[in-house]
Amino acid sequence: MPSPDPPRLYLNEHLSPRLALQLRRHGFDATSSREAGRLSDTDDEQLAFAVSQRRALVTFNAGDFVRLHRQYLAESQEHWGIVLSTEESISVLLHRLLRLLNSVSADELKSQIRWLNEFR
């Protein structure tokens, strides 16, 4: 059963914009850094943009975004979630993201880090 209020997603630059398109075809709100014209942004700027759009950020870049997550928590700042993944094919990523979107609400993901591998 779909989550009543699924997260809105922002796919970091290493994820294909085709993935965002596929998620939209399934009725979910997803965009990519390429679509947003933000490919040259730093990781800090990427997360700040995701926060400003009330979107969870999806990335392969665990090291930098775990650091940013900790920094946000230390400064009592909220973000809309960080979803970390290993590099996988678009079909695997789509399957896992659909499982996440159908089982986790935006509020449940808020200020959390989740590994996409949880949603196999």
PDB file of N, CA and C in Angstrom:
ATOM      1  N   MET A   1       0.846  -1.184   0.000  1.00  0.00           N
ATOM      2  CA  MET A   1       0.000   0.000   0.000  1.00  0.00           C
ATOM      3  C   MET A   1       0.885   1.239   0.000  1.00  0.00           C
ATOM      4  N   PRO A   2       0.630   2.184  -0.901  1.00  0.00           N
ATOM      5  CA  PRO A   2       1.465   3.389  -0.974  1.00  0.00           C
ATOM      6  C   PRO A   2       1.414   4.212   0.305  1.00  0.00           C
ATOM      7  N   SER A   3       2.529   4.845   0.573  1.00  0.00           N
ATOM      8  CA  SER A   3       2.590   5.775   1.690  1.00  0.00           C
ATOM      9  C   SER A   3       1.620   6.918   1.402  1.00  0.00           C
ATOM     10  N   PRO A   4       0.890   7.407   2.418  1.00  0.00           N
ATOM     11  CA  PRO A   4      -0.076   8.484   2.169  1.00  0.00           C
ATOM     12  C   PRO A   4       0.581   9.805   1.769  1.00  0.00           C
ATOM     13  N   ASP A   5       1.812  10.012   2.158  1.00  0.00           N
ATOM     14  CA  ASP A   5       2.528  11.242   1.847  1.00  0.00           C
ATOM     15  C   ASP A   5       3.973  10.891   1.506  1.00  0.00           C
ATOM     16  N   PRO A   6       4.205  10.363   0.290  1.00  0.00           N
ATOM     17  CA  PRO A   6       5.563   9.915  -0.039  1.00  0.00           C
ATOM     18  C   PRO A   6       6.540  11.082  -0.138  1.00  0.00           C
ATOM     19  N   PRO A   7       7.804  10.807   0.109  1.00  0.00           N
ATOM     20  CA  PRO A   7       8.819  11.860  -0.031  1.00  0.00           C
ATOM     21  C   PRO A   7       8.879  12.359  -1.480  1.00  0.00           C
ATOM     22  N   ARG A   8       9.247  13.601  -1.608  1.00  0.00           N
ATOM     23  CA  ARG A   8       9.575  14.180  -2.912  1.00  0.00           C
ATOM     24  C   ARG A   8      11.081  14.016  -3.061  1.00  0.00           C
ATOM     25  N   LEU A   9      11.531  13.573  -4.243  1.00  0.00           N
ATOM     26  CA  LEU A   9      12.945  13.228  -4.398  1.00  0.00           C
ATOM     27  C   LEU A   9      13.714  14.205  -5.279  1.00  0.00           C
ATOM     28  N   TYR A  10      14.974  14.376  -4.923  1.00  0.00           N
ATOM     29  CA  TYR A  10      15.938  15.149  -5.700  1.00  0.00           C
ATOM     30  C   TYR A  10      17.139  14.236  -5.933  1.00  0.00           C
ATOM     31  N   LEU A  11      17.355  13.841  -7.181  1.00  0.00           N
ATOM     32  CA  LEU A  11      18.428  12.919  -7.514  1.00  0.00           C
ATOM     33  C   LEU A  11      19.718  13.682  -7.775  1.00  0.00           C
ATOM     34  N   ASN A  12      20.754  13.352  -7.035  1.00  0.00           N
ATOM     35  CA  ASN A  12      22.047  14.006  -7.175  1.00  0.00           C
ATOM     36  C   ASN A  12      22.626  13.730  -8.563  1.00  0.00           C
ATOM     37  N   GLU A  13      23.651  14.457  -8.926  1.00  0.00           N
ATOM     38  CA  GLU A  13      24.160  14.489 -10.294  1.00  0.00           C
ATOM     39  C   GLU A  13      24.608  13.150 -10.864  1.00  0.00           C
ATOM     40  N   HIS A  14      24.944  12.183 -10.029  1.00  0.00           N
ATOM     41  CA  HIS A  14      25.433  10.905 -10.536  1.00  0.00           C
ATOM     42  C   HIS A  14      24.304   9.953 -10.937  1.00  0.00           C
ATOM     43  N   LEU A  15      23.089  10.314 -10.594  1.00  0.00           N
ATOM     44  CA  LEU A  15      21.937   9.503 -10.976  1.00  0.00           C
ATOM     45  C   LEU A  15      21.314  10.069 -12.253  1.00  0.00           C
ATOM     46  N   SER A  16      20.909   9.200 -13.131  1.00  0.00           N
ATOM     47  CA  SER A  16      20.384   9.604 -14.429  1.00  0.00           C
ATOM     48  C   SER A  16      19.044  10.329 -14.305  1.00  0.00           C
ATOM     49  N   PRO A  17      18.860  11.411 -15.057  1.00  0.00           N
ATOM     50  CA  PRO A  17      17.555  12.075 -15.091  1.00  0.00           C
ATOM     51  C   PRO A  17      16.452  11.143 -15.609  1.00  0.00           C
ATOM     52  N   ARG A  18      16.853  10.094 -16.351  1.00  0.00           N
ATOM     53  CA  ARG A  18      15.851   9.114 -16.816  1.00  0.00           C
ATOM     54  C   ARG A  18      15.169   8.427 -15.635  1.00  0.00           C
ATOM     55  N   LEU A  19      15.900   8.292 -14.531  1.00  0.00           N
ATOM     56  CA  LEU A  19      15.322   7.695 -13.332  1.00  0.00           C
ATOM     57  C   LEU A  19      14.217   8.599 -12.774  1.00  0.00           C
ATOM     58  N   ALA A  20      14.458   9.898 -12.751  1.00  0.00           N
ATOM     59  CA  ALA A  20      13.432  10.844 -12.290  1.00  0.00           C
ATOM     60  C   ALA A  20      12.198  10.761 -13.194  1.00  0.00           C
ATOM     61  N   LEU A  21      12.416  10.662 -14.477  1.00  0.00           N
ATOM     62  CA  LEU A  21      11.307  10.534 -15.428  1.00  0.00           C
ATOM     63  C   LEU A  21      10.491   9.272 -15.146  1.00  0.00           C
ATOM     64  N   GLN A  22      11.170   8.152 -14.925  1.00  0.00           N
ATOM     65  CA  GLN A  22      10.474   6.904 -14.629  1.00  0.00           C
ATOM     66  C   GLN A  22       9.665   7.014 -13.329  1.00  0.00           C
ATOM     67  N   LEU A  23      10.229   7.651 -12.319  1.00  0.00           N
ATOM     68  CA  LEU A  23       9.504   7.835 -11.055  1.00  0.00           C
ATOM     69  C   LEU A  23       8.256   8.699 -11.265  1.00  0.00           C
ATOM     70  N   ARG A  24       8.371   9.732 -12.075  1.00  0.00           N
ATOM     71  CA  ARG A  24       7.206  10.570 -12.372  1.00  0.00           C
ATOM     72  C   ARG A  24       6.137   9.768 -13.113  1.00  0.00           C
ATOM     73  N   ARG A  25       6.549   8.885 -13.995  1.00  0.00           N
ATOM     74  CA  ARG A  25       5.588   8.028 -14.720  1.00  0.00           C
ATOM     75  C   ARG A  25       4.814   7.133 -13.757  1.00  0.00           C
ATOM     76  N   HIS A  26       5.411   6.851 -12.611  1.00  0.00           N
ATOM     77  CA  HIS A  26       4.731   6.058 -11.585  1.00  0.00           C
ATOM     78  C   HIS A  26       3.957   6.952 -10.615  1.00  0.00           C
ATOM     79  N   GLY A  27       3.903   8.243 -10.897  1.00  0.00           N
ATOM     80  CA  GLY A  27       3.097   9.158 -10.102  1.00  0.00           C
ATOM     81  C   GLY A  27       3.795   9.818  -8.934  1.00  0.00           C
ATOM     82  N   PHE A  28       5.126   9.723  -8.883  1.00  0.00           N
ATOM     83  CA  PHE A  28       5.862  10.321  -7.771  1.00  0.00           C
ATOM     84  C   PHE A  28       6.538  11.614  -8.208  1.00  0.00           C
ATOM     85  N   ASP A  29       6.763  12.488  -7.260  1.00  0.00           N
ATOM     86  CA  ASP A  29       7.402  13.779  -7.507  1.00  0.00           C
ATOM     87  C   ASP A  29       8.915  13.592  -7.391  1.00  0.00           C
ATOM     88  N   ALA A  30       9.595  13.636  -8.526  1.00  0.00           N
ATOM     89  CA  ALA A  30      11.050  13.441  -8.543  1.00  0.00           C
ATOM     90  C   ALA A  30      11.659  14.343  -9.611  1.00  0.00           C
ATOM     91  N   THR A  31      12.821  14.871  -9.281  1.00  0.00           N
ATOM     92  CA  THR A  31      13.587  15.667 -10.239  1.00  0.00           C
ATOM     93  C   THR A  31      15.064  15.356 -10.018  1.00  0.00           C
ATOM     94  N   SER A  32      15.876  15.822 -10.937  1.00  0.00           N
ATOM     95  CA  SER A  32      17.317  15.564 -10.832  1.00  0.00           C
ATOM     96  C   SER A  32      18.081  16.882 -10.834  1.00  0.00           C
ATOM     97  N   SER A  33      19.327  16.809 -10.392  1.00  0.00           N
ATOM     98  CA  SER A  33      20.156  18.017 -10.397  1.00  0.00           C
ATOM     99  C   SER A  33      20.378  18.500 -11.829  1.00  0.00           C
ATOM    100  N   ARG A  34      20.428  17.584 -12.778  1.00  0.00           N
ATOM    101  CA  ARG A  34      20.566  17.982 -14.179  1.00  0.00           C
ATOM    102  C   ARG A  34      19.328  18.767 -14.629  1.00  0.00           C
ATOM    103  N   GLU A  35      18.132  18.251 -14.308  1.00  0.00           N
ATOM    104  CA  GLU A  35      16.892  18.938 -14.684  1.00  0.00           C
ATOM    105  C   GLU A  35      16.775  20.297 -14.007  1.00  0.00           C
ATOM    106  N   ALA A  36      17.298  20.395 -12.791  1.00  0.00           N
ATOM    107  CA  ALA A  36      17.225  21.652 -12.036  1.00  0.00           C
ATOM    108  C   ALA A  36      18.336  22.625 -12.434  1.00  0.00           C
ATOM    109  N   GLY A  37      19.250  22.192 -13.319  1.00  0.00           N
ATOM    110  CA  GLY A  37      20.345  23.056 -13.747  1.00  0.00           C
ATOM    111  C   GLY A  37      21.367  23.306 -12.657  1.00  0.00           C
ATOM    112  N   ARG A  38      21.608  22.306 -11.806  1.00  0.00           N
ATOM    113  CA  ARG A  38      22.474  22.494 -10.644  1.00  0.00           C
ATOM    114  C   ARG A  38      23.670  21.551 -10.641  1.00  0.00           C
ATOM    115  N   LEU A  39      24.164  21.171 -11.799  1.00  0.00           N
ATOM    116  CA  LEU A  39      25.274  20.220 -11.880  1.00  0.00           C
ATOM    117  C   LEU A  39      26.576  20.743 -11.290  1.00  0.00           C
ATOM    118  N   SER A  40      26.779  22.045 -11.301  1.00  0.00           N
ATOM    119  CA  SER A  40      28.043  22.594 -10.800  1.00  0.00           C
ATOM    120  C   SER A  40      27.997  22.922  -9.309  1.00  0.00           C
ATOM    121  N   ASP A  41      26.864  22.674  -8.651  1.00  0.00           N
ATOM    122  CA  ASP A  41      26.744  22.980  -7.219  1.00  0.00           C
ATOM    123  C   ASP A  41      27.614  22.048  -6.375  1.00  0.00           C
ATOM    124  N   THR A  42      28.106  22.571  -5.268  1.00  0.00           N
ATOM    125  CA  THR A  42      28.821  21.748  -4.291  1.00  0.00           C
ATOM    126  C   THR A  42      27.817  20.838  -3.577  1.00  0.00           C
ATOM    127  N   ASP A  43      28.316  19.878  -2.836  1.00  0.00           N
ATOM    128  CA  ASP A  43      27.428  19.001  -2.065  1.00  0.00           C
ATOM    129  C   ASP A  43      26.604  19.805  -1.064  1.00  0.00           C
ATOM    130  N   ASP A  44      27.223  20.784  -0.416  1.00  0.00           N
ATOM    131  CA  ASP A  44      26.497  21.651   0.527  1.00  0.00           C
ATOM    132  C   ASP A  44      25.340  22.355  -0.185  1.00  0.00           C
ATOM    133  N   GLU A  45      25.623  22.876  -1.370  1.00  0.00           N
ATOM    134  CA  GLU A  45      24.591  23.576  -2.139  1.00  0.00           C
ATOM    135  C   GLU A  45      23.505  22.619  -2.622  1.00  0.00           C
ATOM    136  N   GLN A  46      23.900  21.392  -2.982  1.00  0.00           N
ATOM    137  CA  GLN A  46      22.907  20.399  -3.419  1.00  0.00           C
ATOM    138  C   GLN A  46      21.924  20.100  -2.282  1.00  0.00           C
ATOM    139  N   LEU A  47      22.456  19.864  -1.089  1.00  0.00           N
ATOM    140  CA  LEU A  47      21.571  19.563   0.035  1.00  0.00           C
ATOM    141  C   LEU A  47      20.724  20.776   0.404  1.00  0.00           C
ATOM    142  N   ALA A  48      21.312  21.959   0.395  1.00  0.00           N
ATOM    143  CA  ALA A  48      20.545  23.174   0.699  1.00  0.00           C
ATOM    144  C   ALA A  48      19.407  23.363  -0.302  1.00  0.00           C
ATOM    145  N   PHE A  49      19.675  23.078  -1.585  1.00  0.00           N
ATOM    146  CA  PHE A  49      18.619  23.180  -2.593  1.00  0.00           C
ATOM    147  C   PHE A  49      17.518  22.163  -2.311  1.00  0.00           C
ATOM    148  N   ALA A  50      17.903  20.921  -2.008  1.00  0.00           N
ATOM    149  CA  ALA A  50      16.907  19.888  -1.693  1.00  0.00           C
ATOM    150  C   ALA A  50      16.053  20.327  -0.511  1.00  0.00           C
ATOM    151  N   VAL A  51      16.688  20.880   0.516  1.00  0.00           N
ATOM    152  CA  VAL A  51      15.953  21.361   1.687  1.00  0.00           C
ATOM    153  C   VAL A  51      14.989  22.472   1.280  1.00  0.00           C
ATOM    154  N   SER A  52      15.450  23.401   0.465  1.00  0.00           N
ATOM    155  CA  SER A  52      14.591  24.528   0.056  1.00  0.00           C
ATOM    156  C   SER A  52      13.371  24.061  -0.743  1.00  0.00           C
ATOM    157  N   GLN A  53      13.496  22.908  -1.397  1.00  0.00           N
ATOM    158  CA  GLN A  53      12.410  22.340  -2.186  1.00  0.00           C
ATOM    159  C   GLN A  53      11.616  21.278  -1.418  1.00  0.00           C
ATOM    160  N   ARG A  54      11.998  21.047  -0.153  1.00  0.00           N
ATOM    161  CA  ARG A  54      11.366  20.024   0.688  1.00  0.00           C
ATOM    162  C   ARG A  54      11.458  18.646   0.040  1.00  0.00           C
ATOM    163  N   ARG A  55      12.671  18.334  -0.460  1.00  0.00           N
ATOM    164  CA  ARG A  55      12.924  17.068  -1.144  1.00  0.00           C
ATOM    165  C   ARG A  55      13.993  16.267  -0.411  1.00  0.00           C
ATOM    166  N   ALA A  56      13.846  14.960  -0.445  1.00  0.00           N
ATOM    167  CA  ALA A  56      14.898  14.056   0.028  1.00  0.00           C
ATOM    168  C   ALA A  56      15.924  13.930  -1.086  1.00  0.00           C
ATOM    169  N   LEU A  57      17.176  13.962  -0.732  1.00  0.00           N
ATOM    170  CA  LEU A  57      18.260  13.870  -1.704  1.00  0.00           C
ATOM    171  C   LEU A  57      18.691  12.408  -1.839  1.00  0.00           C
ATOM    172  N   VAL A  58      18.810  11.941  -3.081  1.00  0.00           N
ATOM    173  CA  VAL A  58      19.248  10.573  -3.368  1.00  0.00           C
ATOM    174  C   VAL A  58      20.632  10.661  -3.988  1.00  0.00           C
ATOM    175  N   THR A  59      21.586   9.900  -3.439  1.00  0.00           N
ATOM    176  CA  THR A  59      22.963  10.018  -3.899  1.00  0.00           C
ATOM    177  C   THR A  59      23.745   8.723  -3.707  1.00  0.00           C
ATOM    178  N   PHE A  60      24.819   8.590  -4.472  1.00  0.00           N
ATOM    179  CA  PHE A  60      25.795   7.519  -4.273  1.00  0.00           C
ATOM    180  C   PHE A  60      26.917   7.987  -3.344  1.00  0.00           C
ATOM    181  N   ASN A  61      26.989   9.277  -3.064  1.00  0.00           N
ATOM    182  CA  ASN A  61      28.093   9.902  -2.348  1.00  0.00           C
ATOM    183  C   ASN A  61      27.871   9.835  -0.833  1.00  0.00           C
ATOM    184  N   ALA A  62      28.066   8.666  -0.272  1.00  0.00           N
ATOM    185  CA  ALA A  62      27.786   8.463   1.152  1.00  0.00           C
ATOM    186  C   ALA A  62      28.677   9.314   2.050  1.00  0.00           C
ATOM    187  N   GLY A  63      29.966   9.328   1.789  1.00  0.00           N
ATOM    188  CA  GLY A  63      30.904  10.015   2.683  1.00  0.00           C
ATOM    189  C   GLY A  63      30.559  11.466   2.924  1.00  0.00           C
ATOM    190  N   ASP A  64      30.396  12.219   1.856  1.00  0.00           N
ATOM    191  CA  ASP A  64      30.129  13.649   1.997  1.00  0.00           C
ATOM    192  C   ASP A  64      28.752  13.931   2.581  1.00  0.00           C
ATOM    193  N   PHE A  65      27.761  13.130   2.203  1.00  0.00           N
ATOM    194  CA  PHE A  65      26.410  13.424   2.683  1.00  0.00           C
ATOM    195  C   PHE A  65      26.161  12.920   4.103  1.00  0.00           C
ATOM    196  N   VAL A  66      26.879  11.907   4.539  1.00  0.00           N
ATOM    197  CA  VAL A  66      26.820  11.530   5.956  1.00  0.00           C
ATOM    198  C   VAL A  66      27.416  12.666   6.788  1.00  0.00           C
ATOM    199  N   ARG A  67      28.516  13.229   6.315  1.00  0.00           N
ATOM    200  CA  ARG A  67      29.134  14.372   7.009  1.00  0.00           C
ATOM    201  C   ARG A  67      28.155  15.551   7.082  1.00  0.00           C
ATOM    202  N   LEU A  68      27.498  15.852   5.965  1.00  0.00           N
ATOM    203  CA  LEU A  68      26.540  16.961   5.955  1.00  0.00           C
ATOM    204  C   LEU A  68      25.350  16.676   6.868  1.00  0.00           C
ATOM    205  N   HIS A  69      24.892  15.439   6.871  1.00  0.00           N
ATOM    206  CA  HIS A  69      23.791  15.047   7.762  1.00  0.00           C
ATOM    207  C   HIS A  69      24.174  15.317   9.216  1.00  0.00           C
ATOM    208  N   ARG A  70      25.376  14.904   9.595  1.00  0.00           N
ATOM    209  CA  ARG A  70      25.839  15.121  10.975  1.00  0.00           C
ATOM    210  C   ARG A  70      25.950  16.610  11.290  1.00  0.00           C
ATOM    211  N   GLN A  71      26.413  17.366  10.310  1.00  0.00           N
ATOM    212  CA  GLN A  71      26.526  18.815  10.496  1.00  0.00           C
ATOM    213  C   GLN A  71      25.142  19.436  10.707  1.00  0.00           C
ATOM    214  N   TYR A  72      24.165  19.027   9.911  1.00  0.00           N
ATOM    215  CA  TYR A  72      22.800  19.532  10.079  1.00  0.00           C
ATOM    216  C   TYR A  72      22.283  19.195  11.480  1.00  0.00           C
ATOM    217  N   LEU A  73      22.480  17.972  11.917  1.00  0.00           N
ATOM    218  CA  LEU A  73      22.006  17.583  13.248  1.00  0.00           C
ATOM    219  C   LEU A  73      22.697  18.389  14.340  1.00  0.00           C
ATOM    220  N   ALA A  74      24.015  18.579  14.204  1.00  0.00           N
ATOM    221  CA  ALA A  74      24.777  19.329  15.211  1.00  0.00           C
ATOM    222  C   ALA A  74      24.300  20.777  15.301  1.00  0.00           C
ATOM    223  N   GLU A  75      23.835  21.314  14.179  1.00  0.00           N
ATOM    224  CA  GLU A  75      23.367  22.700  14.137  1.00  0.00           C
ATOM    225  C   GLU A  75      21.851  22.809  14.296  1.00  0.00           C
ATOM    226  N   SER A  76      21.214  21.700  14.684  1.00  0.00           N
ATOM    227  CA  SER A  76      19.752  21.646  14.861  1.00  0.00           C
ATOM    228  C   SER A  76      18.992  22.095  13.621  1.00  0.00           C
ATOM    229  N   GLN A  77      19.531  21.735  12.457  1.00  0.00           N
ATOM    230  CA  GLN A  77      18.854  22.023  11.191  1.00  0.00           C
ATOM    231  C   GLN A  77      18.185  20.751  10.698  1.00  0.00           C
ATOM    232  N   GLU A  78      17.059  20.920  10.029  1.00  0.00           N
ATOM    233  CA  GLU A  78      16.354  19.774   9.473  1.00  0.00           C
ATOM    234  C   GLU A  78      16.611  19.675   7.974  1.00  0.00           C
ATOM    235  N   HIS A  79      16.565  18.460   7.477  1.00  0.00           N
ATOM    236  CA  HIS A  79      16.537  18.244   6.030  1.00  0.00           C
ATOM    237  C   HIS A  79      15.426  17.236   5.768  1.00  0.00           C
ATOM    238  N   TRP A  80      15.116  16.992   4.533  1.00  0.00           N
ATOM    239  CA  TRP A  80      13.972  16.146   4.168  1.00  0.00           C
ATOM    240  C   TRP A  80      14.391  14.709   3.881  1.00  0.00           C
ATOM    241  N   GLY A  81      15.577  14.349   4.314  1.00  0.00           N
ATOM    242  CA  GLY A  81      16.054  12.984   4.169  1.00  0.00           C
ATOM    243  C   GLY A  81      17.182  12.873   3.164  1.00  0.00           C
ATOM    244  N   ILE A  82      18.054  11.928   3.425  1.00  0.00           N
ATOM    245  CA  ILE A  82      19.143  11.595   2.510  1.00  0.00           C
ATOM    246  C   ILE A  82      19.050  10.095   2.278  1.00  0.00           C
ATOM    247  N   VAL A  83      18.940   9.727   1.019  1.00  0.00           N
ATOM    248  CA  VAL A  83      18.846   8.324   0.637  1.00  0.00           C
ATOM    249  C   VAL A  83      20.149   7.956  -0.055  1.00  0.00           C
ATOM    250  N   LEU A  84      20.882   7.039   0.557  1.00  0.00           N
ATOM    251  CA  LEU A  84      22.179   6.621   0.027  1.00  0.00           C
ATOM    252  C   LEU A  84      22.036   5.304  -0.713  1.00  0.00           C
ATOM    253  N   SER A  85      22.823   5.155  -1.768  1.00  0.00           N
ATOM    254  CA  SER A  85      22.776   3.915  -2.527  1.00  0.00           C
ATOM    255  C   SER A  85      24.146   3.573  -3.082  1.00  0.00           C
ATOM    256  N   THR A  86      24.330   2.304  -3.317  1.00  0.00           N
ATOM    257  CA  THR A  86      25.467   1.865  -4.117  1.00  0.00           C
ATOM    258  C   THR A  86      25.082   2.087  -5.579  1.00  0.00           C
ATOM    259  N   GLU A  87      26.081   2.131  -6.448  1.00  0.00           N
ATOM    260  CA  GLU A  87      25.786   2.319  -7.868  1.00  0.00           C
ATOM    261  C   GLU A  87      25.169   1.037  -8.408  1.00  0.00           C
ATOM    262  N   GLU A  88      23.994   1.184  -9.001  1.00  0.00           N
ATOM    263  CA  GLU A  88      23.232   0.059  -9.545  1.00  0.00           C
ATOM    264  C   GLU A  88      22.647   0.488 -10.887  1.00  0.00           C
ATOM    265  N   SER A  89      22.081  -0.475 -11.607  1.00  0.00           N
ATOM    266  CA  SER A  89      21.410  -0.156 -12.867  1.00  0.00           C
ATOM    267  C   SER A  89      20.158   0.678 -12.588  1.00  0.00           C
ATOM    268  N   ILE A  90      19.693   1.376 -13.600  1.00  0.00           N
ATOM    269  CA  ILE A  90      18.482   2.186 -13.440  1.00  0.00           C
ATOM    270  C   ILE A  90      17.305   1.313 -13.017  1.00  0.00           C
ATOM    271  N   SER A  91      17.199   0.111 -13.568  1.00  0.00           N
ATOM    272  CA  SER A  91      16.065  -0.749 -13.221  1.00  0.00           C
ATOM    273  C   SER A  91      16.108  -1.145 -11.738  1.00  0.00           C
ATOM    274  N   VAL A  92      17.285  -1.443 -11.213  1.00  0.00           N
ATOM    275  CA  VAL A  92      17.412  -1.787  -9.788  1.00  0.00           C
ATOM    276  C   VAL A  92      17.099  -0.569  -8.931  1.00  0.00           C
ATOM    277  N   LEU A  93      17.646   0.583  -9.291  1.00  0.00           N
ATOM    278  CA  LEU A  93      17.381   1.803  -8.522  1.00  0.00           C
ATOM    279  C   LEU A  93      15.894   2.149  -8.546  1.00  0.00           C
ATOM    280  N   LEU A  94      15.259   2.023  -9.713  1.00  0.00           N
ATOM    281  CA  LEU A  94      13.831   2.318  -9.827  1.00  0.00           C
ATOM    282  C   LEU A  94      13.037   1.395  -8.905  1.00  0.00           C
ATOM    283  N   HIS A  95      13.310   0.115  -8.957  1.00  0.00           N
ATOM    284  CA  HIS A  95      12.602  -0.849  -8.116  1.00  0.00           C
ATOM    285  C   HIS A  95      12.740  -0.481  -6.634  1.00  0.00           C
ATOM    286  N   ARG A  96      13.961  -0.203  -6.198  1.00  0.00           N
ATOM    287  CA  ARG A  96      14.195   0.111  -4.786  1.00  0.00           C
ATOM    288  C   ARG A  96      13.564   1.439  -4.384  1.00  0.00           C
ATOM    289  N   LEU A  97      13.662   2.444  -5.260  1.00  0.00           N
ATOM    290  CA  LEU A  97      13.043   3.736  -4.941  1.00  0.00           C
ATOM    291  C   LEU A  97      11.526   3.615  -4.873  1.00  0.00           C
ATOM    292  N   LEU A  98      10.936   2.837  -5.748  1.00  0.00           N
ATOM    293  CA  LEU A  98       9.482   2.637  -5.692  1.00  0.00           C
ATOM    294  C   LEU A  98       9.087   1.954  -4.386  1.00  0.00           C
ATOM    295  N   ARG A  99       9.872   1.001  -3.950  1.00  0.00           N
ATOM    296  CA  ARG A  99       9.586   0.352  -2.663  1.00  0.00           C
ATOM    297  C   ARG A  99       9.698   1.355  -1.509  1.00  0.00           C
ATOM    298  N   LEU A 100      10.721   2.188  -1.546  1.00  0.00           N
ATOM    299  CA  LEU A 100      10.874   3.229  -0.515  1.00  0.00           C
ATOM    300  C   LEU A 100       9.679   4.168  -0.543  1.00  0.00           C
ATOM    301  N   LEU A 101       9.331   4.663  -1.728  1.00  0.00           N
ATOM    302  CA  LEU A 101       8.249   5.642  -1.851  1.00  0.00           C
ATOM    303  C   LEU A 101       6.898   5.071  -1.454  1.00  0.00           C
ATOM    304  N   ASN A 102       6.732   3.777  -1.594  1.00  0.00           N
ATOM    305  CA  ASN A 102       5.477   3.140  -1.230  1.00  0.00           C
ATOM    306  C   ASN A 102       5.427   2.694   0.226  1.00  0.00           C
ATOM    307  N   SER A 103       6.522   2.888   0.958  1.00  0.00           N
ATOM    308  CA  SER A 103       6.523   2.411   2.343  1.00  0.00           C
ATOM    309  C   SER A 103       6.968   3.442   3.380  1.00  0.00           C
ATOM    310  N   VAL A 104       7.542   4.554   2.951  1.00  0.00           N
ATOM    311  CA  VAL A 104       8.051   5.558   3.884  1.00  0.00           C
ATOM    312  C   VAL A 104       7.417   6.910   3.554  1.00  0.00           C
ATOM    313  N   SER A 105       6.876   7.571   4.546  1.00  0.00           N
ATOM    314  CA  SER A 105       6.295   8.898   4.323  1.00  0.00           C
ATOM    315  C   SER A 105       7.381   9.966   4.376  1.00  0.00           C
ATOM    316  N   ALA A 106       7.038  11.133   3.861  1.00  0.00           N
ATOM    317  CA  ALA A 106       7.980  12.257   3.901  1.00  0.00           C
ATOM    318  C   ALA A 106       8.361  12.579   5.337  1.00  0.00           C
ATOM    319  N   ASP A 107       7.409  12.538   6.246  1.00  0.00           N
ATOM    320  CA  ASP A 107       7.705  12.836   7.655  1.00  0.00           C
ATOM    321  C   ASP A 107       8.622  11.790   8.282  1.00  0.00           C
ATOM    322  N   GLU A 108       8.451  10.523   7.905  1.00  0.00           N
ATOM    323  CA  GLU A 108       9.302   9.463   8.450  1.00  0.00           C
ATOM    324  C   GLU A 108      10.742   9.578   7.970  1.00  0.00           C
ATOM    325  N   LEU A 109      10.929  10.168   6.793  1.00  0.00           N
ATOM    326  CA  LEU A 109      12.271  10.307   6.226  1.00  0.00           C
ATOM    327  C   LEU A 109      12.963  11.591   6.674  1.00  0.00           C
ATOM    328  N   LYS A 110      12.205  12.513   7.200  1.00  0.00           N
ATOM    329  CA  LYS A 110      12.730  13.824   7.573  1.00  0.00           C
ATOM    330  C   LYS A 110      13.914  13.707   8.533  1.00  0.00           C
ATOM    331  N   SER A 111      15.022  14.356   8.156  1.00  0.00           N
ATOM    332  CA  SER A 111      16.269  14.400   8.930  1.00  0.00           C
ATOM    333  C   SER A 111      16.860  13.015   9.195  1.00  0.00           C
ATOM    334  N   GLN A 112      16.540  12.067   8.336  1.00  0.00           N
ATOM    335  CA  GLN A 112      17.051  10.706   8.452  1.00  0.00           C
ATOM    336  C   GLN A 112      17.964  10.378   7.275  1.00  0.00           C
ATOM    337  N   ILE A 113      18.821   9.398   7.485  1.00  0.00           N
ATOM    338  CA  ILE A 113      19.569   8.778   6.393  1.00  0.00           C
ATOM    339  C   ILE A 113      19.037   7.364   6.262  1.00  0.00           C
ATOM    340  N   ARG A 114      18.736   6.972   5.044  1.00  0.00           N
ATOM    341  CA  ARG A 114      18.311   5.598   4.778  1.00  0.00           C
ATOM    342  C   ARG A 114      19.147   5.054   3.631  1.00  0.00           C
ATOM    343  N   TRP A 115      19.469   3.773   3.706  1.00  0.00           N
ATOM    344  CA  TRP A 115      20.178   3.089   2.625  1.00  0.00           C
ATOM    345  C   TRP A 115      19.154   2.451   1.713  1.00  0.00           C
ATOM    346  N   LEU A 116      19.265   2.725   0.443  1.00  0.00           N
ATOM    347  CA  LEU A 116      18.327   2.192  -0.534  1.00  0.00           C
ATOM    348  C   LEU A 116      18.377   0.667  -0.578  1.00  0.00           C
ATOM    349  N   ASN A 117      19.499   0.092  -0.191  1.00  0.00           N
ATOM    350  CA  ASN A 117      19.629  -1.373  -0.183  1.00  0.00           C
ATOM    351  C   ASN A 117      18.650  -2.025   0.782  1.00  0.00           C
ATOM    352  N   GLU A 118      18.092  -1.239   1.724  1.00  0.00           N
ATOM    353  CA  GLU A 118      17.058  -1.754   2.643  1.00  0.00           C
ATOM    354  C   GLU A 118      15.789  -2.139   1.892  1.00  0.00           C
ATOM    355  N   PHE A 119      15.611  -1.607   0.694  1.00  0.00           N
ATOM    356  CA  PHE A 119      14.342  -1.723  -0.023  1.00  0.00           C
ATOM    357  C   PHE A 119      14.455  -2.643  -1.238  1.00  0.00           C
ATOM    358  N   ARG A 120      15.170  -3.757  -1.072  1.00  0.00           N
ATOM    359  CA  ARG A 120      15.356  -4.716  -2.176  1.00  0.00           C
ATOM    360  C   ARG A 120      14.078  -5.404  -2.545  1.00  0.00           C
TER     361      ARG A 120
END
